[in-house]
Every structure is written in C-alpha cells, then in structure tokens.
Protein backbone atom coordinates (compact mmCIF):
# COMPACT_ATOMS: atom_id res chain seq x y z
CA MET A 1 0.00 0.00 0.00
CA ARG A 2 2.97 2.27 -0.36
CA SER A 3 1.97 4.44 -3.23
CA LEU A 4 -1.63 3.45 -2.58
CA PHE A 5 -1.62 5.87 0.34
CA THR A 6 1.50 7.91 -0.35
CA SER A 7 2.27 8.63 -3.95
CA LEU A 8 0.86 12.06 -3.17
CA THR A 9 3.34 12.54 -0.31
CA VAL A 10 7.10 12.35 -0.62
CA ALA A 11 7.58 11.91 3.12
CA PHE A 12 5.38 8.84 3.26
CA VAL A 13 7.04 7.25 0.27
CA CYS A 14 10.39 7.67 1.99
CA LEU A 15 8.99 5.80 4.98
CA ALA A 16 7.76 3.09 2.68
CA GLY A 17 11.02 2.58 0.87
CA CYS A 18 11.99 2.93 -2.75
CA ASN A 19 10.97 -0.40 -4.27
CA PRO A 20 7.35 -1.28 -3.46
CA VAL A 21 6.07 -4.60 -4.78
CA TYR A 22 2.43 -5.48 -4.03
CA ALA A 23 -0.89 -6.62 -5.43
CA PRO A 24 -3.67 -4.21 -4.34
CA PRO A 25 -6.18 -5.04 -1.61
CA VAL A 26 -9.69 -6.03 -2.68
CA ARG A 27 -11.24 -3.81 0.02
CA VAL A 28 -9.90 -0.80 1.90
CA SER A 29 -13.05 0.78 3.33
CA GLN A 30 -14.12 -0.60 6.73
CA HIS A 31 -17.93 -0.41 6.34
CA GLY A 32 -18.75 1.14 9.72
CA ALA A 33 -20.08 -0.55 12.86
CA PRO A 34 -21.96 -3.86 12.88
CA HIS A 35 -25.70 -3.25 12.88
CA PRO A 36 -28.88 -5.36 12.99
CA VAL A 37 -30.02 -6.71 9.62
CA ALA A 38 -33.65 -7.09 8.49
CA ARG A 39 -34.67 -8.91 5.32
CA GLY A 40 -35.35 -6.53 2.44
CA THR A 41 -33.34 -3.64 3.88
CA ALA A 42 -31.03 -1.93 1.39
CA GLU A 43 -28.10 0.30 2.28
CA VAL A 44 -25.95 2.64 0.15
CA GLY A 45 -22.80 4.33 1.38
CA GLY A 46 -19.36 5.67 0.68
CA ALA A 47 -16.09 6.56 2.39
CA ILE A 48 -12.85 8.44 1.93
CA TYR A 49 -9.50 7.48 3.46
CA GLY A 50 -5.95 8.77 3.61
CA VAL A 51 -2.80 9.37 5.60
CA ASN A 52 -2.13 13.10 5.95
CA GLN A 53 -4.65 13.91 3.21
CA PRO A 54 -7.39 12.02 1.33
CA VAL A 55 -5.98 9.64 -1.28
CA GLY A 56 -8.84 7.28 -2.12
CA GLY A 57 -12.48 6.44 -1.77
CA ALA A 58 -15.02 3.66 -1.79
CA GLY A 59 -18.67 3.04 -2.50
CA VAL A 60 -20.82 0.10 -1.44
CA GLY A 61 -24.40 -1.08 -1.74
CA SER A 62 -25.98 -3.95 0.17
CA VAL A 63 -29.27 -5.76 0.50
CA ALA A 64 -30.33 -8.09 3.30
CA VAL A 65 -31.42 -11.44 1.85
CA THR A 66 -32.40 -12.76 5.31
CA ASP A 67 -32.64 -11.31 8.83
CA ARG A 68 -28.98 -12.19 9.36
CA LEU A 69 -27.30 -12.23 5.95
CA GLY A 70 -26.50 -9.35 3.60
CA LEU A 71 -25.14 -9.30 0.04
CA GLU A 72 -22.65 -6.51 -0.70
CA LEU A 73 -21.34 -5.02 -3.94
CA GLY A 74 -18.83 -2.17 -4.04
CA PHE A 75 -15.53 -0.69 -5.17
CA ASP A 76 -12.36 0.92 -3.83
CA SER A 77 -10.07 3.16 -5.84
CA THR A 78 -7.31 5.74 -5.83
CA ALA A 79 -6.35 7.97 -8.73
CA VAL A 80 -2.81 6.61 -9.06
CA ASP A 81 -2.65 3.01 -7.81
CA PHE A 82 -5.67 0.76 -8.30
CA ALA A 83 -9.38 0.29 -8.92
CA MET A 84 -10.96 -2.84 -7.42
CA GLY A 85 -14.53 -4.07 -7.24
CA HIS A 86 -15.84 -6.64 -4.76
CA LEU A 87 -18.80 -8.92 -4.10
CA GLY A 88 -19.30 -10.46 -0.69
CA LEU A 89 -21.54 -11.66 2.15
CA ARG A 90 -21.93 -10.24 5.65
CA PHE A 91 -23.43 -12.37 8.45
CA THR A 92 -24.76 -10.53 11.53
CA PRO A 93 -26.16 -12.57 14.46
CA LYS A 94 -28.77 -11.04 16.72
CA ALA A 95 -27.52 -8.30 19.07
CA VAL A 96 -26.85 -9.26 22.69
CA GLN A 97 -28.34 -7.05 25.41
CA LEU A 98 -25.63 -6.34 28.01
CA SER A 99 -27.56 -4.31 30.58
CA ASN A 100 -30.78 -2.53 31.35
CA VAL A 101 -29.47 0.76 29.96
CA ALA A 102 -29.76 -0.06 26.25
CA LEU A 103 -26.15 -1.25 25.89
CA GLU A 104 -25.83 -3.91 23.18
CA ALA A 105 -23.00 -5.96 21.71
CA LEU A 106 -22.91 -6.93 18.04
CA ILE A 107 -20.65 -8.95 15.79
CA ASP A 108 -20.53 -9.50 12.05
CA LEU A 109 -18.48 -11.73 9.76
CA GLU A 110 -17.60 -10.85 6.17
CA PHE A 111 -16.24 -12.87 3.28
CA GLY A 112 -15.92 -12.16 -0.44
CA GLY A 113 -13.72 -11.59 -3.43
CA GLY A 114 -13.15 -9.21 -6.27
CA GLY A 115 -10.97 -7.98 -9.04
CA GLY A 116 -9.80 -5.02 -11.05
CA ALA A 117 -6.42 -3.53 -11.81
CA GLY A 118 -3.51 -2.06 -9.90
CA GLY A 119 -0.49 -2.68 -7.75
CA GLU A 120 3.22 -2.06 -8.28
CA ASN A 121 6.36 -3.95 -9.19
CA CYS A 122 9.29 -1.60 -8.66
CA GLU A 123 12.62 -3.05 -9.69
CA GLU A 124 15.91 -2.19 -8.03
CA PRO A 125 17.15 1.10 -9.57
CA THR A 126 20.19 1.07 -11.82
CA ALA A 127 22.92 3.66 -12.30
CA ASP A 128 21.02 5.07 -15.30
CA ASP A 129 17.84 5.74 -13.33
CA ASP A 130 16.84 9.18 -12.11
CA PRO A 131 18.11 9.39 -8.51
CA ASP A 132 15.04 11.46 -7.57
CA ALA A 133 12.62 8.81 -8.80
CA PHE A 134 10.81 6.73 -6.18
CA CYS A 135 11.60 3.51 -8.03
CA ALA A 136 12.53 2.05 -11.40
CA GLU A 137 9.15 0.57 -12.38
CA ASP A 138 8.53 -2.22 -14.84
CA ASP A 139 6.85 -1.35 -18.13
CA ARG A 140 3.28 -1.68 -16.86
CA ARG A 141 1.08 1.13 -15.65
CA TRP A 142 -1.36 0.20 -12.89
CA THR A 143 -4.23 0.20 -15.37
CA GLU A 144 -2.38 -2.53 -17.33
CA ARG A 145 -1.97 -4.81 -14.31
CA PRO A 146 -5.05 -7.05 -13.77
CA ALA A 147 -5.52 -7.99 -10.11
CA GLY A 148 -7.83 -10.01 -7.92
CA GLY A 149 -8.21 -11.73 -4.57
CA ILE A 150 -10.34 -12.70 -1.60
CA TYR A 151 -11.00 -11.17 1.82
CA GLY A 152 -12.44 -12.13 5.18
CA GLY A 153 -12.95 -10.24 8.39
CA VAL A 154 -14.78 -9.70 11.64
CA GLY A 155 -16.39 -6.64 13.22
CA LEU A 156 -17.12 -6.11 16.93
CA GLY A 157 -19.36 -3.33 18.15
CA LEU A 158 -20.90 -1.81 21.27
CA ARG A 159 -23.94 0.41 20.81
CA TYR A 160 -25.54 2.75 23.32
CA ARG A 161 -28.61 4.58 22.05
CA ALA A 162 -27.45 6.32 18.83
CA VAL A 163 -23.70 5.84 19.32
CA ASP A 164 -21.52 2.86 18.36
CA VAL A 165 -17.91 2.08 19.18
CA PHE A 166 -16.46 -0.64 16.95
CA TYR A 167 -13.36 -2.54 15.92
CA ARG A 168 -12.70 -4.30 12.59
CA LEU A 169 -10.07 -6.85 11.63
CA ARG A 170 -9.65 -7.99 8.00
CA PHE A 171 -7.31 -10.33 6.12
CA GLN A 172 -6.86 -10.45 2.34
CA GLY A 173 -4.89 -12.42 -0.20
CA THR A 174 -4.38 -10.83 -3.63
CA ILE A 175 -2.48 -11.36 -6.85
CA ALA A 176 -1.63 -9.10 -9.79
CA THR A 177 0.28 -9.44 -13.05
CA ASP A 178 4.03 -9.85 -12.45
CA VAL A 179 3.53 -9.45 -8.68
CA PRO A 180 3.81 -12.26 -6.09
CA LEU A 181 0.88 -13.31 -3.90
CA THR A 182 0.39 -10.52 -1.37
CA PHE A 183 -1.17 -10.93 2.08
CA TRP A 184 -2.89 -7.91 3.63
CA HIS A 185 -3.90 -7.24 7.24
CA SER A 186 -5.91 -4.29 8.51
CA SER A 187 -7.01 -3.22 11.99
CA PHE A 188 -9.43 -0.33 12.55
CA LEU A 189 -11.07 1.35 15.58
CA GLY A 190 -14.00 3.67 14.95
CA LEU A 191 -16.86 5.72 16.37
CA GLN A 192 -20.26 5.89 14.67
CA VAL A 193 -23.38 8.01 15.13
CA ARG A 194 -26.81 6.95 13.87
CA VAL A 195 -29.40 9.57 12.91
CA LEU A 196 -33.05 8.45 13.19
CA GLU A 197 -31.88 4.95 12.21
CA LEU A 198 -31.84 6.23 8.61
CA PHE A 199 -28.26 7.55 8.33
CA ARG A 200 -25.02 6.51 9.94
CA ILE A 201 -21.77 8.47 9.99
CA TYR A 202 -18.51 6.97 11.20
CA SER A 203 -14.85 7.89 11.50
CA GLY A 204 -11.78 6.22 12.88
CA ALA A 205 -8.18 5.22 12.39
CA GLY A 206 -6.09 2.10 12.09
CA PHE A 207 -3.38 0.54 9.99
CA PHE A 208 -2.81 -1.57 6.91
CA SER A 209 0.12 -3.90 6.35
CA TYR A 210 1.13 -6.25 3.56
CA ARG A 211 3.71 -8.96 3.04
CA ASN A 212 4.93 -11.01 0.09
CA LYS A 213 8.15 -12.76 -0.84
CA LYS A 214 9.70 -9.52 -2.13
CA ASP A 215 8.40 -6.83 0.15
CA GLU A 216 6.52 -5.92 3.34
CA PHE A 217 5.06 -2.71 4.68
CA PHE A 218 2.99 -1.07 7.46
CA VAL A 219 1.08 2.23 7.31
CA PRO A 220 -1.39 4.06 9.62
CA TYR A 221 -4.44 5.68 8.05
CA TRP A 222 -7.80 7.31 8.77
CA GLU A 223 -11.26 6.87 7.26
CA VAL A 224 -14.60 8.72 7.26
CA GLY A 225 -17.81 7.19 5.91
CA LEU A 226 -21.52 7.83 5.49
CA SER A 227 -24.40 5.54 4.55
CA PHE A 228 -28.17 5.60 4.48
CA PHE A 229 -30.87 2.95 4.49
CA VAL A 230 -33.25 2.75 1.56
CA VAL A 231 -35.64 0.79 3.79
CA SER A 232 -35.52 1.27 7.55
CA THR A 233 -34.02 -1.59 9.55
CA ARG A 234 -36.14 -3.62 11.93
CA GLU A 235 -34.42 -3.59 15.32
C-alpha cells in the first residue's frame, strides 16, 4: 500500500522505501459498525481514506437477503494506484443485550472476493535511473496490471442509544500481473453516530500492512464514511 496511500506525499514514500512490490487489496473501506439486519433492507454508502490527506475512496451497496445475511457489492479506488470491485456476504447474528441501559453488543463476519487492476512492481534502480525517482518501475502502468483476490474479516461493536464504538479486523490475499501473492492485514477502531436509524456516519483510524516474498510494509491511516438505508431496519 505504499503508493496506494503515499504517492501524493514524498515523506510517506520515503517511509515506505523505494521499491514497493504489491498486489492491491480487494477492500480498503471498513464499512462502519456492525448493525442489525432485516430482510429486504437496502443500504448505500461511501467513504474516503488517507494518511495526511485524502488519497482514495469507496462506494458500497448492500441488500439483506435474510434477517442475518446481507449481500454486498462495491468498489475501492485511488487515482494513481488501483481500482478494485468486490462482491461479498456479511453475516450478523442477533444483538446481545448487556444491561438494562440499552447497551448492546454486536458482531458480524464478512467474506468475499473481487478484481480489477492495480499494484506495483518496482525493480531495483540502476545507475542510469533518475536518482530522484521513487523507483525504477517495470513497463506496466497500474491500469495494465489485472488484479484479484479474496478477503475475510470480523467486526465487533458496542452500541448505546445512537452511538456505536467498533473494531474491525480484516485479512486479504491478492495477486496481480508480475507481482507475487500478497497478504494484507488491517485493523481499525472507529466511532459511529446513527441519525433516526436512517443515516449513519462513522470515522476512525487504524493501519494496513502487507507482506509477500519480495516486500513488506505497514502504514497508519484514517477513514470517514456515510451511509443511508433505503428501507428502515427492523431492530
């Protein structure tokens, strides 16, 4: 995720190193807090994320096919690194009441896959390369590098009235042309506010990391998202 989050910032690229090699993640956006699901409910939302400034965004739509299971379709993209679409399932068991003061605990599980284009394969620079360049890239632009992979994750949430505190953990395995299999890990802690059970707004921070046989990297980031329900949920 080196230039994924930092091609716009020289300082971050220096932290990342000069020779990034990675297949892009299928999903970057963290969806927001777990919430009860009711059959027939549809949700549409979006998010932006970045390091010291916004560098990418996501959009997602979902529909609940049962009172526990939702089908999701969405995309993540930056202007300079990748564009990936995904299709997945999200399973949300019934909320657990923790006290008599409307405090509830929720969990959801996600799994899916997707594809698109992106990633980088930066070769070791030679004496003829520009010393100010971040890396000596191969001949492919990111739009010429087909990519795909799978993801899985878990979300944990506590809700009190209209406020949710949540944590998300996600793992991904992705491949791209001329790039080795790349394993991604993300961890995210967020705060969410629900408005009349029709809108939800969340923000938070966390980190992404990746590892493959040629490279590894870790980067902190932030995210802000908004979504609304086409049909109100049944609590």
